[in-house]
Amino acid sequence: MANHTGQSGTVKLGSNAVGSVSGFSLDTTGDVIENSNLGSTARQFLAGRTSWSASVECHFDETDSNGQQALTVGSSVALNLYPEGADSGDYYWAGTALVTSESHAVSLDDTIKSSFAAQGTGVLTRTTV
């Protein structure tokens, strides 16, 4: 099993790379539906609907018009998350998401931090470059 570091990760909105990304996270969940019969001794379940959400952390970049500036609350984006980079053979997750939050933190002894959260709408796919 190969180990990877996050230093090559990339986030794109469509084909546009988001600038100054310092990290991202992806959470996926799946509902379960109980399908047990009366008199059964063990519960049974079926797979239900799935959902996903993501967050992106950045160093603030006011010049990133196709990346950070496009991540405004309420906007729908084609979100592509590349954990190990975007070279041939690397895999990534892709889906449409609604931006649900945007925050910025300013500190005396640090860079300005920007963070964005998005709720997936529809299917999240995992594919390779």
C-alpha atoms as a PDB file:
ATOM      1  CA  MET A   1       0.000   0.000   0.000  1.00  0.00           C
ATOM      2  CA  ALA A   2       1.451   3.331  -1.049  1.00  0.00           C
ATOM      3  CA  ASN A   3       1.431   6.232   1.373  1.00  0.00           C
ATOM      4  CA  HIS A   4       0.679   9.698   0.074  1.00  0.00           C
ATOM      5  CA  THR A   5       1.149  13.176   1.463  1.00  0.00           C
ATOM      6  CA  GLY A   6      -1.217  16.067   0.905  1.00  0.00           C
ATOM      7  CA  GLN A   7       1.372  18.368  -0.616  1.00  0.00           C
ATOM      8  CA  SER A   8       0.288  17.524  -4.175  1.00  0.00           C
ATOM      9  CA  GLY A   9      -3.458  17.895  -3.570  1.00  0.00           C
ATOM     10  CA  THR A  10      -5.447  20.184  -5.843  1.00  0.00           C
ATOM     11  CA  VAL A  11      -8.958  21.608  -5.857  1.00  0.00           C
ATOM     12  CA  LYS A  12     -10.617  22.688  -9.097  1.00  0.00           C
ATOM     13  CA  LEU A  13     -13.890  24.355  -9.998  1.00  0.00           C
ATOM     14  CA  GLY A  14     -14.512  22.761 -13.345  1.00  0.00           C
ATOM     15  CA  SER A  15     -11.095  23.039 -15.019  1.00  0.00           C
ATOM     16  CA  ASN A  16      -9.970  26.088 -12.981  1.00  0.00           C
ATOM     17  CA  ALA A  17      -7.614  25.413 -10.074  1.00  0.00           C
ATOM     18  CA  VAL A  18      -8.480  27.170  -6.825  1.00  0.00           C
ATOM     19  CA  GLY A  19      -5.458  29.229  -5.791  1.00  0.00           C
ATOM     20  CA  SER A  20      -3.484  28.951  -2.558  1.00  0.00           C
ATOM     21  CA  VAL A  21      -5.271  25.835  -1.227  1.00  0.00           C
ATOM     22  CA  SER A  22      -3.787  24.624   2.051  1.00  0.00           C
ATOM     23  CA  GLY A  23      -6.096  21.637   2.522  1.00  0.00           C
ATOM     24  CA  PHE A  24      -9.500  20.116   1.928  1.00  0.00           C
ATOM     25  CA  SER A  25     -11.770  17.478   3.404  1.00  0.00           C
ATOM     26  CA  LEU A  26     -14.490  15.290   1.958  1.00  0.00           C
ATOM     27  CA  ASP A  27     -17.202  13.516   3.954  1.00  0.00           C
ATOM     28  CA  THR A  28     -19.552  10.934   2.469  1.00  0.00           C
ATOM     29  CA  THR A  29     -22.456   9.213   4.204  1.00  0.00           C
ATOM     30  CA  GLY A  30     -25.064   6.640   3.298  1.00  0.00           C
ATOM     31  CA  ASP A  31     -28.485   6.079   4.826  1.00  0.00           C
ATOM     32  CA  VAL A  32     -29.621   2.622   5.823  1.00  0.00           C
ATOM     33  CA  ILE A  33     -33.207   1.417   5.702  1.00  0.00           C
ATOM     34  CA  GLU A  34     -34.336  -1.289   8.068  1.00  0.00           C
ATOM     35  CA  ASN A  35     -35.887  -4.208   6.203  1.00  0.00           C
ATOM     36  CA  SER A  36     -36.491  -6.630   9.081  1.00  0.00           C
ATOM     37  CA  ASN A  37     -39.467  -8.961   9.114  1.00  0.00           C
ATOM     38  CA  LEU A  38     -41.649  -9.705  12.120  1.00  0.00           C
ATOM     39  CA  GLY A  39     -40.355 -12.812  13.846  1.00  0.00           C
ATOM     40  CA  SER A  40     -36.802 -12.473  12.528  1.00  0.00           C
ATOM     41  CA  THR A  41     -34.010 -12.816  15.077  1.00  0.00           C
ATOM     42  CA  ALA A  42     -31.641 -10.375  13.401  1.00  0.00           C
ATOM     43  CA  ARG A  43     -32.212  -6.972  11.901  1.00  0.00           C
ATOM     44  CA  GLN A  44     -31.774  -6.596   8.152  1.00  0.00           C
ATOM     45  CA  PHE A  45     -30.940  -3.416   6.262  1.00  0.00           C
ATOM     46  CA  LEU A  46     -30.897  -2.046   2.725  1.00  0.00           C
ATOM     47  CA  ALA A  47     -28.687   0.701   1.352  1.00  0.00           C
ATOM     48  CA  GLY A  48     -30.450   4.057   1.145  1.00  0.00           C
ATOM     49  CA  ARG A  49     -29.536   7.419  -0.295  1.00  0.00           C
ATOM     50  CA  THR A  50     -26.035   8.829  -0.104  1.00  0.00           C
ATOM     51  CA  SER A  51     -24.819  12.363   0.526  1.00  0.00           C
ATOM     52  CA  TRP A  52     -21.533  14.210   0.646  1.00  0.00           C
ATOM     53  CA  SER A  53     -20.014  17.494   1.721  1.00  0.00           C
ATOM     54  CA  ALA A  54     -16.618  19.120   1.385  1.00  0.00           C
ATOM     55  CA  SER A  55     -14.579  21.936   2.866  1.00  0.00           C
ATOM     56  CA  VAL A  56     -11.640  23.803   1.365  1.00  0.00           C
ATOM     57  CA  GLU A  57      -9.014  25.757   3.308  1.00  0.00           C
ATOM     58  CA  CYS A  58      -6.962  28.465   1.562  1.00  0.00           C
ATOM     59  CA  HIS A  59      -4.545  31.282   2.093  1.00  0.00           C
ATOM     60  CA  PHE A  60      -6.594  34.339   1.082  1.00  0.00           C
ATOM     61  CA  ASP A  61      -6.025  35.356  -2.562  1.00  0.00           C
ATOM     62  CA  GLU A  62      -8.139  38.277  -3.787  1.00  0.00           C
ATOM     63  CA  THR A  63      -6.793  37.837  -7.339  1.00  0.00           C
ATOM     64  CA  ASP A  64      -8.152  34.273  -7.716  1.00  0.00           C
ATOM     65  CA  SER A  65     -11.256  35.266  -9.691  1.00  0.00           C
ATOM     66  CA  ASN A  66     -12.005  31.758 -11.079  1.00  0.00           C
ATOM     67  CA  GLY A  67     -11.287  29.988  -7.791  1.00  0.00           C
ATOM     68  CA  GLN A  68     -11.727  31.598  -4.380  1.00  0.00           C
ATOM     69  CA  GLN A  69     -13.906  34.435  -5.659  1.00  0.00           C
ATOM     70  CA  ALA A  70     -16.241  31.901  -7.328  1.00  0.00           C
ATOM     71  CA  LEU A  71     -16.850  30.144  -3.987  1.00  0.00           C
ATOM     72  CA  THR A  72     -19.617  32.458  -2.804  1.00  0.00           C
ATOM     73  CA  VAL A  73     -22.459  31.300  -0.574  1.00  0.00           C
ATOM     74  CA  GLY A  74     -25.359  30.013  -2.645  1.00  0.00           C
ATOM     75  CA  SER A  75     -23.341  29.375  -5.792  1.00  0.00           C
ATOM     76  CA  SER A  76     -23.404  26.013  -7.545  1.00  0.00           C
ATOM     77  CA  VAL A  77     -19.952  24.740  -8.523  1.00  0.00           C
ATOM     78  CA  ALA A  78     -18.465  21.757 -10.347  1.00  0.00           C
ATOM     79  CA  LEU A  79     -16.131  20.655  -7.537  1.00  0.00           C
ATOM     80  CA  ASN A  80     -13.162  18.405  -8.289  1.00  0.00           C
ATOM     81  CA  LEU A  81     -10.972  17.224  -5.401  1.00  0.00           C
ATOM     82  CA  TYR A  82      -7.579  15.714  -6.227  1.00  0.00           C
ATOM     83  CA  PRO A  83      -5.928  14.215  -3.112  1.00  0.00           C
ATOM     84  CA  GLU A  84      -2.615  13.317  -4.762  1.00  0.00           C
ATOM     85  CA  GLY A  85      -2.444  15.773  -7.673  1.00  0.00           C
ATOM     86  CA  ALA A  86      -3.823  15.855 -11.188  1.00  0.00           C
ATOM     87  CA  ASP A  87      -1.280  13.729 -13.069  1.00  0.00           C
ATOM     88  CA  SER A  88      -2.287  10.916 -15.392  1.00  0.00           C
ATOM     89  CA  GLY A  89      -3.449   7.925 -13.342  1.00  0.00           C
ATOM     90  CA  ASP A  90      -4.238   9.944 -10.194  1.00  0.00           C
ATOM     91  CA  TYR A  91      -7.785   9.578  -8.962  1.00  0.00           C
ATOM     92  CA  TYR A  92     -10.131  12.341  -7.853  1.00  0.00           C
ATOM     93  CA  TRP A  93     -13.680  12.966  -6.693  1.00  0.00           C
ATOM     94  CA  ALA A  94     -16.063  15.080  -8.755  1.00  0.00           C
ATOM     95  CA  GLY A  95     -19.573  16.398  -8.232  1.00  0.00           C
ATOM     96  CA  THR A  96     -21.817  19.421  -8.206  1.00  0.00           C
ATOM     97  CA  ALA A  97     -21.997  21.255  -4.894  1.00  0.00           C
ATOM     98  CA  LEU A  98     -23.723  24.259  -3.376  1.00  0.00           C
ATOM     99  CA  VAL A  99     -21.451  26.580  -1.400  1.00  0.00           C
ATOM    100  CA  THR A 100     -22.963  26.788   2.109  1.00  0.00           C
ATOM    101  CA  SER A 101     -20.427  28.895   3.992  1.00  0.00           C
ATOM    102  CA  GLU A 102     -17.442  31.151   3.546  1.00  0.00           C
ATOM    103  CA  SER A 103     -15.251  32.458   6.345  1.00  0.00           C
ATOM    104  CA  HIS A 104     -12.045  34.435   6.674  1.00  0.00           C
ATOM    105  CA  ALA A 105      -9.688  34.704   9.647  1.00  0.00           C
ATOM    106  CA  VAL A 106      -7.145  37.458  10.114  1.00  0.00           C
ATOM    107  CA  SER A 107      -4.385  37.120  12.696  1.00  0.00           C
ATOM    108  CA  LEU A 108      -1.456  39.363  13.550  1.00  0.00           C
ATOM    109  CA  ASP A 109       1.230  36.712  13.069  1.00  0.00           C
ATOM    110  CA  ASP A 110      -0.219  34.561  10.286  1.00  0.00           C
ATOM    111  CA  THR A 111      -1.493  34.673   6.736  1.00  0.00           C
ATOM    112  CA  ILE A 112      -5.162  35.466   6.150  1.00  0.00           C
ATOM    113  CA  LYS A 113      -7.057  32.168   6.095  1.00  0.00           C
ATOM    114  CA  SER A 114     -10.166  31.554   4.011  1.00  0.00           C
ATOM    115  CA  SER A 115     -12.401  28.524   4.310  1.00  0.00           C
ATOM    116  CA  PHE A 116     -15.349  27.356   2.277  1.00  0.00           C
ATOM    117  CA  ALA A 117     -17.921  24.610   2.862  1.00  0.00           C
ATOM    118  CA  ALA A 118     -20.117  22.966   0.248  1.00  0.00           C
ATOM    119  CA  GLN A 119     -22.974  20.473   0.234  1.00  0.00           C
ATOM    120  CA  GLY A 120     -22.976  17.979  -2.611  1.00  0.00           C
ATOM    121  CA  THR A 121     -26.083  17.824  -4.739  1.00  0.00           C
ATOM    122  CA  GLY A 122     -26.344  14.602  -6.700  1.00  0.00           C
ATOM    123  CA  VAL A 123     -23.869  11.804  -7.132  1.00  0.00           C
ATOM    124  CA  LEU A 124     -20.191  12.069  -6.202  1.00  0.00           C
ATOM    125  CA  THR A 125     -17.981  10.140  -8.609  1.00  0.00           C
ATOM    126  CA  ARG A 126     -14.464   8.849  -8.162  1.00  0.00           C
ATOM    127  CA  THR A 127     -12.476   8.582 -11.343  1.00  0.00           C
ATOM    128  CA  THR A 128      -8.916   8.905 -12.632  1.00  0.00           C
ATOM    129  CA  VAL A 129      -7.185  11.664 -14.558  1.00  0.00           C
END
